[in-house]
């Protein structure tokens, strides 16, 4: 039976990462002690090494990650508007039947 998805606090994640880094415990040992999967622990450790002690937000994208998504959405909207205007111009340019 699959486990329910849990949301862990930043303090819990930081404590788990410190167990790996400071106490020199293996990822598997910390996973067993805290009843957490090994993959999330590895992800938390990588995030800690890249960004420091902070685990911002509740899993949402950072503002730097959000900018390309916003620009792609705007680009798609502008292309749709352009295509609609091209079709309208072709419709009104054709002679009436």
N, C-alpha and C. Protein backbone atom coordinates (compact mmCIF):
# COMPACT_ATOMS: atom_id res chain seq x y z
N UNK A 1 0.84 -1.17 0.00
CA UNK A 1 0.00 0.00 0.00
C UNK A 1 0.90 1.24 0.00
N UNK A 2 0.64 2.21 -0.88
CA UNK A 2 1.48 3.40 -0.94
C UNK A 2 1.27 4.27 0.29
N UNK A 3 2.36 4.94 0.67
CA UNK A 3 2.30 5.84 1.82
C UNK A 3 1.64 7.14 1.41
N UNK A 4 1.02 7.81 2.38
CA UNK A 4 0.44 9.12 2.11
C UNK A 4 1.55 10.14 1.96
N UNK A 5 1.33 11.10 1.13
CA UNK A 5 2.31 12.16 0.92
C UNK A 5 2.29 13.08 2.14
N UNK A 6 3.47 13.37 2.65
CA UNK A 6 3.54 14.23 3.83
C UNK A 6 4.27 15.52 3.48
N UNK A 7 3.94 16.56 4.22
CA UNK A 7 4.65 17.82 4.07
C UNK A 7 5.45 18.04 5.34
N UNK A 8 6.74 18.11 5.19
CA UNK A 8 7.62 18.26 6.33
C UNK A 8 8.04 19.71 6.47
N UNK A 9 8.21 20.14 7.70
CA UNK A 9 8.61 21.52 7.95
C UNK A 9 10.07 21.73 7.60
N UNK A 10 10.43 22.98 7.44
CA UNK A 10 11.82 23.31 7.13
C UNK A 10 12.74 22.89 8.27
N UNK A 11 12.26 23.00 9.50
CA UNK A 11 13.08 22.60 10.66
C UNK A 11 13.36 21.11 10.64
N UNK A 12 12.34 20.31 10.29
CA UNK A 12 12.51 18.87 10.21
C UNK A 12 13.53 18.50 9.13
N UNK A 13 13.40 19.15 7.98
CA UNK A 13 14.33 18.88 6.88
C UNK A 13 15.75 19.26 7.27
N UNK A 14 15.90 20.40 7.92
CA UNK A 14 17.22 20.85 8.34
C UNK A 14 17.81 19.89 9.36
N UNK A 15 17.00 19.42 10.29
CA UNK A 15 17.46 18.45 11.28
C UNK A 15 17.92 17.16 10.60
N UNK A 16 17.16 16.69 9.63
CA UNK A 16 17.52 15.46 8.92
C UNK A 16 18.83 15.63 8.17
N UNK A 17 19.00 16.76 7.51
CA UNK A 17 20.24 17.00 6.76
C UNK A 17 21.42 17.11 7.71
N UNK A 18 21.23 17.75 8.85
CA UNK A 18 22.32 17.86 9.82
C UNK A 18 22.71 16.50 10.39
N UNK A 19 21.74 15.59 10.49
CA UNK A 19 22.07 14.23 10.95
C UNK A 19 23.02 13.57 9.94
N UNK A 20 22.80 13.84 8.67
CA UNK A 20 23.64 13.24 7.63
C UNK A 20 25.01 13.91 7.60
N UNK A 21 25.02 15.25 7.65
CA UNK A 21 26.28 15.97 7.49
C UNK A 21 27.09 16.04 8.77
N UNK A 22 26.46 16.42 9.88
CA UNK A 22 27.20 16.63 11.12
C UNK A 22 27.51 15.33 11.86
N UNK A 23 26.52 14.45 11.94
CA UNK A 23 26.71 13.21 12.68
C UNK A 23 27.30 12.10 11.82
N UNK A 24 27.49 12.39 10.54
CA UNK A 24 28.08 11.44 9.59
C UNK A 24 27.30 10.12 9.52
N UNK A 25 25.97 10.21 9.63
CA UNK A 25 25.13 9.03 9.47
C UNK A 25 24.82 8.84 7.99
N UNK A 26 24.56 7.62 7.60
CA UNK A 26 24.22 7.35 6.21
C UNK A 26 22.78 7.80 5.94
N UNK A 27 22.49 8.01 4.68
CA UNK A 27 21.15 8.41 4.28
C UNK A 27 20.15 7.32 4.67
N UNK A 28 20.53 6.08 4.47
CA UNK A 28 19.64 4.96 4.81
C UNK A 28 19.35 4.93 6.31
N UNK A 29 20.36 5.18 7.14
CA UNK A 29 20.17 5.16 8.59
C UNK A 29 19.23 6.28 9.03
N UNK A 30 19.42 7.47 8.50
CA UNK A 30 18.55 8.60 8.85
C UNK A 30 17.13 8.33 8.36
N UNK A 31 17.00 7.75 7.17
CA UNK A 31 15.68 7.43 6.63
C UNK A 31 14.95 6.45 7.56
N UNK A 32 15.65 5.45 8.06
CA UNK A 32 15.03 4.49 8.98
C UNK A 32 14.65 5.16 10.29
N UNK A 33 15.54 6.00 10.83
CA UNK A 33 15.27 6.64 12.12
C UNK A 33 14.08 7.60 12.05
N UNK A 34 13.98 8.33 10.95
CA UNK A 34 12.94 9.35 10.84
C UNK A 34 11.70 8.88 10.08
N UNK A 35 11.74 7.66 9.57
CA UNK A 35 10.64 7.10 8.77
C UNK A 35 10.33 7.99 7.56
N UNK A 36 11.40 8.30 6.84
CA UNK A 36 11.31 9.12 5.63
C UNK A 36 12.01 8.35 4.52
N UNK A 37 11.59 8.56 3.29
CA UNK A 37 12.25 7.91 2.16
C UNK A 37 13.66 8.44 1.94
N UNK A 38 14.47 7.61 1.32
CA UNK A 38 15.86 8.01 1.05
C UNK A 38 15.94 9.10 -0.02
N UNK A 39 15.07 9.02 -1.02
CA UNK A 39 15.13 10.02 -2.10
C UNK A 39 14.84 11.43 -1.61
N UNK A 40 13.80 11.64 -0.77
CA UNK A 40 13.62 13.00 -0.26
C UNK A 40 14.82 13.49 0.55
N UNK A 41 15.43 12.60 1.32
CA UNK A 41 16.61 13.00 2.09
C UNK A 41 17.74 13.45 1.18
N UNK A 42 17.94 12.73 0.10
CA UNK A 42 18.99 13.13 -0.85
C UNK A 42 18.66 14.48 -1.49
N UNK A 43 17.38 14.68 -1.81
CA UNK A 43 16.96 15.95 -2.39
C UNK A 43 17.16 17.09 -1.41
N UNK A 44 16.82 16.87 -0.14
CA UNK A 44 16.99 17.90 0.88
C UNK A 44 18.47 18.21 1.08
N UNK A 45 19.31 17.18 1.08
CA UNK A 45 20.74 17.40 1.26
C UNK A 45 21.30 18.21 0.09
N UNK A 46 20.87 17.88 -1.12
CA UNK A 46 21.35 18.62 -2.30
C UNK A 46 20.90 20.08 -2.24
N UNK A 47 19.63 20.31 -1.85
CA UNK A 47 19.13 21.68 -1.73
C UNK A 47 19.88 22.44 -0.65
N UNK A 48 20.20 21.77 0.44
CA UNK A 48 20.95 22.40 1.52
C UNK A 48 22.34 22.78 1.05
N UNK A 49 22.98 21.91 0.29
CA UNK A 49 24.33 22.20 -0.21
C UNK A 49 24.33 23.32 -1.23
N UNK A 50 23.27 23.41 -2.04
CA UNK A 50 23.21 24.44 -3.08
C UNK A 50 22.79 25.80 -2.53
N UNK A 51 21.78 25.81 -1.64
CA UNK A 51 21.20 27.07 -1.19
C UNK A 51 21.51 27.44 0.24
N UNK A 52 22.12 26.55 0.98
CA UNK A 52 22.38 26.84 2.39
C UNK A 52 21.30 26.25 3.27
N UNK A 53 21.08 26.85 4.40
CA UNK A 53 20.20 26.29 5.42
C UNK A 53 18.73 26.50 5.12
N UNK A 54 18.38 27.29 4.13
CA UNK A 54 16.97 27.63 3.91
C UNK A 54 16.27 26.60 3.03
N UNK A 55 15.04 26.29 3.41
CA UNK A 55 14.12 25.50 2.58
C UNK A 55 12.89 26.37 2.40
N UNK A 56 12.90 27.27 1.41
CA UNK A 56 11.83 28.25 1.31
C UNK A 56 10.51 27.66 0.85
N UNK A 57 9.43 28.23 1.35
CA UNK A 57 8.09 27.93 0.86
C UNK A 57 7.63 26.53 1.13
N UNK A 58 6.57 26.17 0.45
CA UNK A 58 5.95 24.86 0.60
C UNK A 58 6.07 24.09 -0.71
N UNK A 59 7.22 24.10 -1.31
CA UNK A 59 7.43 23.36 -2.54
C UNK A 59 7.11 24.12 -3.80
N UNK A 60 6.68 25.37 -3.69
CA UNK A 60 6.39 26.16 -4.87
C UNK A 60 7.67 26.62 -5.54
N UNK A 61 7.57 27.07 -6.77
CA UNK A 61 8.78 27.52 -7.47
C UNK A 61 9.32 28.81 -6.87
N UNK A 62 10.61 28.96 -6.95
CA UNK A 62 11.23 30.21 -6.52
C UNK A 62 10.93 31.27 -7.56
N UNK A 63 11.05 32.55 -7.22
CA UNK A 63 10.79 33.59 -8.22
C UNK A 63 11.66 33.46 -9.46
N UNK A 64 12.89 32.99 -9.29
CA UNK A 64 13.77 32.81 -10.46
C UNK A 64 13.27 31.69 -11.35
N UNK A 65 12.68 30.64 -10.76
CA UNK A 65 12.13 29.53 -11.54
C UNK A 65 10.79 29.90 -12.15
N UNK A 66 10.09 30.84 -11.53
CA UNK A 66 8.75 31.21 -11.98
C UNK A 66 8.80 32.12 -13.21
N UNK A 67 9.85 32.90 -13.36
CA UNK A 67 9.95 33.85 -14.47
C UNK A 67 9.88 33.17 -15.85
N UNK A 68 10.66 32.12 -16.12
CA UNK A 68 10.55 31.47 -17.45
C UNK A 68 9.15 30.90 -17.71
N UNK A 69 8.49 30.36 -16.67
CA UNK A 69 7.14 29.82 -16.84
C UNK A 69 6.18 30.95 -17.21
N UNK A 70 6.30 32.08 -16.54
CA UNK A 70 5.43 33.22 -16.83
C UNK A 70 5.66 33.73 -18.25
N UNK A 71 6.92 33.80 -18.67
CA UNK A 71 7.24 34.28 -20.02
C UNK A 71 6.74 33.31 -21.09
N UNK A 72 6.83 32.00 -20.85
CA UNK A 72 6.31 31.03 -21.82
C UNK A 72 4.80 31.17 -21.96
N UNK A 73 4.10 31.37 -20.84
CA UNK A 73 2.65 31.54 -20.89
C UNK A 73 2.27 32.81 -21.65
N UNK A 74 2.99 33.89 -21.41
CA UNK A 74 2.73 35.14 -22.12
C UNK A 74 3.01 34.98 -23.61
N UNK A 75 4.08 34.27 -23.94
CA UNK A 75 4.44 34.03 -25.34
C UNK A 75 3.32 33.23 -26.03
N UNK A 76 2.80 32.21 -25.38
CA UNK A 76 1.72 31.41 -25.97
C UNK A 76 0.46 32.26 -26.18
N UNK A 77 0.14 33.12 -25.21
CA UNK A 77 -1.03 33.98 -25.34
C UNK A 77 -0.86 34.95 -26.51
N UNK A 78 0.32 35.54 -26.65
CA UNK A 78 0.56 36.48 -27.75
C UNK A 78 0.52 35.78 -29.11
N UNK A 79 1.03 34.56 -29.18
CA UNK A 79 0.95 33.82 -30.45
C UNK A 79 -0.50 33.52 -30.82
N UNK A 80 -1.32 33.16 -29.83
CA UNK A 80 -2.74 32.88 -30.10
C UNK A 80 -3.44 34.15 -30.60
N UNK A 81 -3.14 35.29 -29.99
CA UNK A 81 -3.73 36.56 -30.44
C UNK A 81 -3.30 36.88 -31.86
N UNK A 82 -2.02 36.66 -32.17
CA UNK A 82 -1.51 36.94 -33.51
C UNK A 82 -2.21 36.05 -34.54
N UNK A 83 -2.35 34.76 -34.23
CA UNK A 83 -3.00 33.84 -35.15
C UNK A 83 -4.46 34.24 -35.39
N UNK A 84 -5.14 34.66 -34.33
CA UNK A 84 -6.53 35.09 -34.47
C UNK A 84 -6.63 36.32 -35.36
N UNK A 85 -5.73 37.27 -35.17
CA UNK A 85 -5.75 38.49 -36.00
C UNK A 85 -5.43 38.17 -37.46
N UNK A 86 -4.51 37.24 -37.71
CA UNK A 86 -4.20 36.85 -39.08
C UNK A 86 -5.43 36.23 -39.75
N UNK A 87 -6.15 35.37 -39.03
CA UNK A 87 -7.35 34.75 -39.60
C UNK A 87 -8.43 35.79 -39.86
N UNK A 88 -8.59 36.75 -38.94
CA UNK A 88 -9.60 37.79 -39.12
C UNK A 88 -9.25 38.67 -40.33
N UNK A 89 -7.99 39.00 -40.48
CA UNK A 89 -7.57 39.83 -41.61
C UNK A 89 -7.81 39.10 -42.93
N UNK A 90 -7.53 37.79 -42.96
CA UNK A 90 -7.75 37.01 -44.18
C UNK A 90 -9.25 36.91 -44.48
N UNK A 91 -10.08 36.80 -43.47
CA UNK A 91 -11.51 36.70 -43.66
C UNK A 91 -12.08 37.99 -44.25
N UNK A 92 -11.66 39.13 -43.65
CA UNK A 92 -12.20 40.40 -44.13
C UNK A 92 -11.59 40.85 -45.44
N UNK A 93 -10.43 40.31 -45.81
CA UNK A 93 -9.79 40.69 -47.06
C UNK A 93 -10.38 39.93 -48.25
N UNK A 94 -11.02 38.81 -47.99
CA UNK A 94 -11.59 38.01 -49.09
C UNK A 94 -12.86 38.69 -49.60
N UNK A 95 -13.11 38.60 -50.92
CA UNK A 95 -14.33 39.24 -51.50
C UNK A 95 -15.58 38.51 -51.02
N UNK A 96 -16.69 39.24 -50.85
CA UNK A 96 -17.93 38.58 -50.42
C UNK A 96 -18.45 37.63 -51.50
N UNK A 97 -19.11 36.58 -51.11
CA UNK A 97 -19.61 35.61 -52.08
C UNK A 97 -21.04 35.88 -52.43
